């Protein structure tokens, strides 16, 4: 998608064939099961199924051109990857021009292999960027918990805590701080959810630079160079490209 352009409900005139738009986006949703690079764009397009506009249709055709140009692109799973959960959590604060809700994104790796990812608009409006980052962190911590249970069902021993990376200093401070401040009372439930798992040593919360935050690709449109850089870190390869 084009960087710094946020789709909205009334950004242009109505599209003449909304049924066609819904049909194509409905098919594109299936691709997000194997193509994490499409998750954010399709999440954005699916918000306007009821009343698509011309700009929404143009954004959809841009996604279709991208898919046509990368027919051999997909996830690579190594046979020598370690059994260790590693996750990345990120959010884009107040990105929706209609509701001012933030977009959360996370991606989970088993060793070097990407096994779980999500791009989703948050259910409530966040007053601060640190609040939206912390809500995304709470969602990611729940995913780590679920993957831990899943590995246990497969008789895979959880030998060491998972690694969870977050590029927001305030969110990491709230997770590590045992005192609730006045400005964080409204996110108390998410504080409990994340801190409880952190204190139980389910995961270790680590800092990471925005440049290396691979979940950034799931929360906002990026320029081609950073998009390609993060795509390689996700383990998405094109079988038709030179090695």
Protein backbone atom coordinates (compact mmCIF):
# COMPACT_ATOMS: atom_id res chain seq x y z
CA UNK A 1 0.00 0.00 0.00
CA UNK A 2 1.04 3.60 -0.52
CA UNK A 3 2.81 5.03 2.52
CA UNK A 4 1.10 7.85 4.48
CA UNK A 5 -2.25 7.28 2.76
CA UNK A 6 -4.95 6.07 5.17
CA UNK A 7 -8.19 4.77 3.72
CA UNK A 8 -11.42 6.15 5.17
CA UNK A 9 -15.15 5.71 4.65
CA UNK A 10 -15.72 8.89 2.64
CA UNK A 11 -12.40 9.52 0.91
CA UNK A 12 -13.92 9.46 -2.61
CA UNK A 13 -17.11 8.66 -4.52
CA UNK A 14 -18.78 5.27 -4.06
CA UNK A 15 -17.53 2.35 -6.16
CA UNK A 16 -20.04 1.32 -8.85
CA UNK A 17 -19.89 -2.43 -8.16
CA UNK A 18 -19.61 -3.10 -4.40
CA UNK A 19 -20.50 -6.79 -4.86
CA UNK A 20 -17.38 -7.26 -7.01
CA UNK A 21 -15.24 -5.52 -4.38
CA UNK A 22 -16.60 -7.80 -1.64
CA UNK A 23 -16.03 -10.86 -3.81
CA UNK A 24 -12.36 -10.07 -4.45
CA UNK A 25 -11.55 -9.03 -0.86
CA UNK A 26 -13.30 -12.16 0.40
CA UNK A 27 -10.96 -14.26 -1.72
CA UNK A 28 -7.92 -12.25 -0.68
CA UNK A 29 -8.64 -13.02 2.99
CA UNK A 30 -7.66 -16.66 2.38
CA UNK A 31 -4.18 -15.59 1.26
CA UNK A 32 -3.39 -14.15 4.69
CA UNK A 33 -3.10 -17.75 5.96
CA UNK A 34 0.16 -18.16 4.03
CA UNK A 35 1.19 -14.62 3.06
CA UNK A 36 1.97 -12.41 6.10
CA UNK A 37 3.10 -9.64 3.75
CA UNK A 38 -0.55 -9.18 2.71
CA UNK A 39 -2.06 -9.14 6.21
CA UNK A 40 -2.07 -5.40 6.82
CA UNK A 41 -3.29 -4.41 3.35
CA UNK A 42 -6.14 -6.91 3.36
CA UNK A 43 -7.06 -5.97 6.93
CA UNK A 44 -7.44 -2.41 5.71
CA UNK A 45 -9.47 -3.34 2.63
CA UNK A 46 -11.84 -5.61 4.57
CA UNK A 47 -13.04 -2.69 6.72
CA UNK A 48 -14.97 -1.18 3.80
CA UNK A 49 -16.89 -4.18 2.51
CA UNK A 50 -20.27 -2.54 3.17
CA UNK A 51 -19.69 0.63 1.16
CA UNK A 52 -16.43 0.63 -0.85
CA UNK A 53 -15.27 3.76 -2.64
CA UNK A 54 -13.16 4.30 -5.75
CA UNK A 55 -10.03 4.79 -3.65
CA UNK A 56 -10.68 1.49 -1.91
CA UNK A 57 -10.95 -0.20 -5.30
CA UNK A 58 -7.68 1.40 -6.45
CA UNK A 59 -5.95 0.16 -3.28
CA UNK A 60 -7.33 -3.33 -3.95
CA UNK A 61 -6.02 -3.37 -7.52
CA UNK A 62 -2.59 -2.32 -6.21
CA UNK A 63 -2.61 -5.39 -3.95
CA UNK A 64 -3.65 -7.58 -6.89
CA UNK A 65 -0.76 -6.25 -9.00
CA UNK A 66 1.62 -7.02 -6.14
CA UNK A 67 0.31 -10.59 -5.91
CA UNK A 68 0.59 -11.07 -9.67
CA UNK A 69 4.20 -9.87 -9.57
CA UNK A 70 5.17 -12.30 -6.77
CA UNK A 71 3.62 -15.70 -7.66
CA UNK A 72 6.46 -17.68 -6.09
CA UNK A 73 6.55 -15.82 -2.79
CA UNK A 74 5.89 -17.67 0.44
CA UNK A 75 7.17 -18.75 3.83
CA UNK A 76 10.35 -20.79 4.18
CA UNK A 77 10.62 -23.34 7.00
CA UNK A 78 14.08 -24.60 7.88
CA UNK A 79 14.61 -28.21 9.00
CA UNK A 80 17.32 -27.14 11.42
CA UNK A 81 15.36 -24.47 13.30
CA UNK A 82 15.47 -24.55 17.10
CA UNK A 83 12.40 -25.15 19.31
CA UNK A 84 12.20 -21.74 20.94
CA UNK A 85 9.39 -19.16 20.76
CA UNK A 86 10.36 -15.65 19.71
CA UNK A 87 7.80 -12.89 19.18
CA UNK A 88 7.57 -9.27 18.03
CA UNK A 89 4.84 -6.83 19.07
CA UNK A 90 4.04 -3.43 17.57
CA UNK A 91 1.21 -0.96 17.01
CA UNK A 92 0.49 2.15 14.97
CA UNK A 93 -1.22 4.72 17.18
CA UNK A 94 -4.58 6.25 16.08
CA UNK A 95 -4.01 5.21 12.50
CA UNK A 96 -7.70 4.96 11.53
CA UNK A 97 -9.01 8.39 10.39
CA UNK A 98 -12.64 7.37 11.04
CA UNK A 99 -12.43 5.93 14.57
CA UNK A 100 -8.88 6.93 15.62
CA UNK A 101 -8.29 3.39 16.81
CA UNK A 102 -4.80 1.93 16.62
CA UNK A 103 -3.66 -1.11 14.66
CA UNK A 104 -1.94 -3.95 16.53
CA UNK A 105 0.43 -6.39 14.94
CA UNK A 106 2.43 -9.35 16.18
CA UNK A 107 4.41 -12.20 14.66
CA UNK A 108 5.61 -15.34 16.42
CA UNK A 109 8.55 -17.51 15.43
CA UNK A 110 9.43 -21.07 16.39
CA UNK A 111 13.16 -20.77 16.07
CA UNK A 112 13.59 -19.00 12.72
CA UNK A 113 10.25 -20.12 11.28
CA UNK A 114 7.23 -17.82 11.31
CA UNK A 115 4.22 -19.74 12.68
CA UNK A 116 1.72 -17.08 13.78
CA UNK A 117 0.93 -13.47 12.88
CA UNK A 118 -1.92 -10.98 13.07
CA UNK A 119 -2.79 -7.45 11.97
CA UNK A 120 -5.95 -6.11 13.62
CA UNK A 121 -7.56 -2.84 14.64
CA UNK A 122 -7.82 -2.43 18.41
CA UNK A 123 -11.30 -2.52 19.96
CA UNK A 124 -10.90 0.73 21.93
CA UNK A 125 -9.33 4.13 21.36
CA UNK A 126 -5.95 4.66 23.04
CA UNK A 127 -5.18 8.05 24.56
CA UNK A 128 -1.41 7.66 24.27
CA UNK A 129 0.94 5.84 21.92
CA UNK A 130 2.35 3.90 24.87
CA UNK A 131 -1.18 2.70 25.67
CA UNK A 132 -1.70 1.35 22.15
CA UNK A 133 1.71 -0.32 22.29
CA UNK A 134 0.85 -1.90 25.62
CA UNK A 135 -2.48 -3.23 24.34
CA UNK A 136 -0.61 -4.82 21.44
CA UNK A 137 1.86 -6.27 23.94
CA UNK A 138 -1.01 -7.82 25.93
CA UNK A 139 -2.37 -9.49 22.78
CA UNK A 140 1.08 -10.81 21.92
CA UNK A 141 1.58 -12.19 25.45
CA UNK A 142 -1.71 -14.10 25.16
CA UNK A 143 -0.47 -15.58 21.88
CA UNK A 144 2.77 -16.69 23.56
CA UNK A 145 0.68 -18.37 26.28
CA UNK A 146 -1.46 -20.19 23.69
CA UNK A 147 1.59 -21.38 21.72
CA UNK A 148 3.12 -22.67 24.95
CA UNK A 149 0.02 -24.75 25.64
CA UNK A 150 -0.01 -25.97 22.04
CA UNK A 151 3.62 -27.12 22.24
CA UNK A 152 2.83 -28.92 25.48
CA UNK A 153 -0.01 -30.79 23.73
CA UNK A 154 2.50 -31.90 21.10
CA UNK A 155 4.79 -33.16 23.89
CA UNK A 156 7.32 -30.40 23.22
CA UNK A 157 8.99 -29.37 26.45
CA UNK A 158 9.07 -25.63 27.10
CA UNK A 159 12.67 -25.46 28.33
CA UNK A 160 13.27 -21.71 28.35
CA UNK A 161 11.13 -18.56 28.41
CA UNK A 162 10.01 -17.09 25.13
CA UNK A 163 11.56 -13.85 23.88
CA UNK A 164 9.14 -10.99 23.20
CA UNK A 165 10.49 -7.85 21.53
CA UNK A 166 8.89 -4.41 21.82
CA UNK A 167 10.30 -1.13 20.45
CA UNK A 168 8.39 1.13 22.87
CA UNK A 169 10.24 2.04 26.08
CA UNK A 170 7.08 3.18 27.91
CA UNK A 171 5.26 -0.09 27.26
CA UNK A 172 8.19 -2.12 28.55
CA UNK A 173 8.40 0.11 31.64
CA UNK A 174 4.71 -0.37 32.43
CA UNK A 175 5.14 -4.14 32.14
CA UNK A 176 8.10 -4.16 34.54
CA UNK A 177 6.76 -1.58 37.04
CA UNK A 178 4.84 -2.99 40.01
CA UNK A 179 3.07 0.31 40.80
CA UNK A 180 -0.02 1.49 38.90
CA UNK A 181 0.21 5.18 38.13
CA UNK A 182 -2.75 7.48 37.60
CA UNK A 183 -2.17 7.62 33.86
CA UNK A 184 -2.26 3.81 33.50
CA UNK A 185 -5.37 2.99 35.55
CA UNK A 186 -7.57 2.83 32.45
CA UNK A 187 -5.43 0.01 31.03
CA UNK A 188 -5.22 -1.90 34.30
CA UNK A 189 -6.57 -5.18 32.89
CA UNK A 190 -3.99 -5.29 30.11
CA UNK A 191 -1.35 -4.42 32.72
CA UNK A 192 -2.38 -7.44 34.78
CA UNK A 193 -2.48 -9.72 31.74
CA UNK A 194 1.02 -8.85 30.57
CA UNK A 195 2.72 -8.43 33.95
CA UNK A 196 1.34 -11.73 35.29
CA UNK A 197 2.86 -13.65 32.40
CA UNK A 198 6.08 -11.68 32.69
CA UNK A 199 6.41 -12.41 36.41
CA UNK A 200 5.65 -16.09 35.78
CA UNK A 201 8.67 -16.10 33.44
CA UNK A 202 6.58 -17.15 30.47
CA UNK A 203 8.60 -14.74 28.36
CA UNK A 204 11.42 -12.23 28.60
CA UNK A 205 10.60 -8.71 27.39
CA UNK A 206 13.43 -7.21 25.36
CA UNK A 207 13.96 -3.91 23.52
CA UNK A 208 14.46 -3.69 19.78
CA UNK A 209 15.04 -0.87 17.34
CA UNK A 210 12.22 0.24 15.06
CA UNK A 211 14.41 -0.60 12.06
CA UNK A 212 14.49 -4.27 13.08
CA UNK A 213 10.91 -4.48 14.38
CA UNK A 214 9.45 -7.03 11.94
CA UNK A 215 5.91 -6.53 13.30
CA UNK A 216 6.08 -3.00 11.87
CA UNK A 217 5.14 -4.53 8.53
CA UNK A 218 1.80 -5.63 10.03
CA UNK A 219 0.76 -2.21 11.32
CA UNK A 220 1.38 0.36 8.57
CA UNK A 221 2.28 0.85 4.89
CA UNK A 222 6.03 0.99 4.28
CA UNK A 223 8.36 2.13 1.52
CA UNK A 224 9.65 -0.66 -0.77
CA UNK A 225 13.15 -0.83 0.78
CA UNK A 226 12.13 -1.23 4.46
CA UNK A 227 9.25 -3.46 3.33
CA UNK A 228 11.66 -5.82 1.57
CA UNK A 229 14.10 -5.67 4.50
CA UNK A 230 11.44 -6.78 7.01
CA UNK A 231 9.99 -9.31 4.58
CA UNK A 232 13.29 -11.19 4.57
CA UNK A 233 13.33 -11.20 8.38
CA UNK A 234 9.85 -12.75 8.39
CA UNK A 235 11.18 -15.66 6.36
CA UNK A 236 9.18 -14.82 3.24
CA UNK A 237 11.14 -15.85 0.14
CA UNK A 238 10.47 -15.82 -3.60
CA UNK A 239 11.40 -19.11 -5.29
CA UNK A 240 11.79 -17.30 -8.62
CA UNK A 241 14.26 -14.72 -7.31
CA UNK A 242 18.04 -15.24 -7.47
CA UNK A 243 19.55 -16.67 -4.27
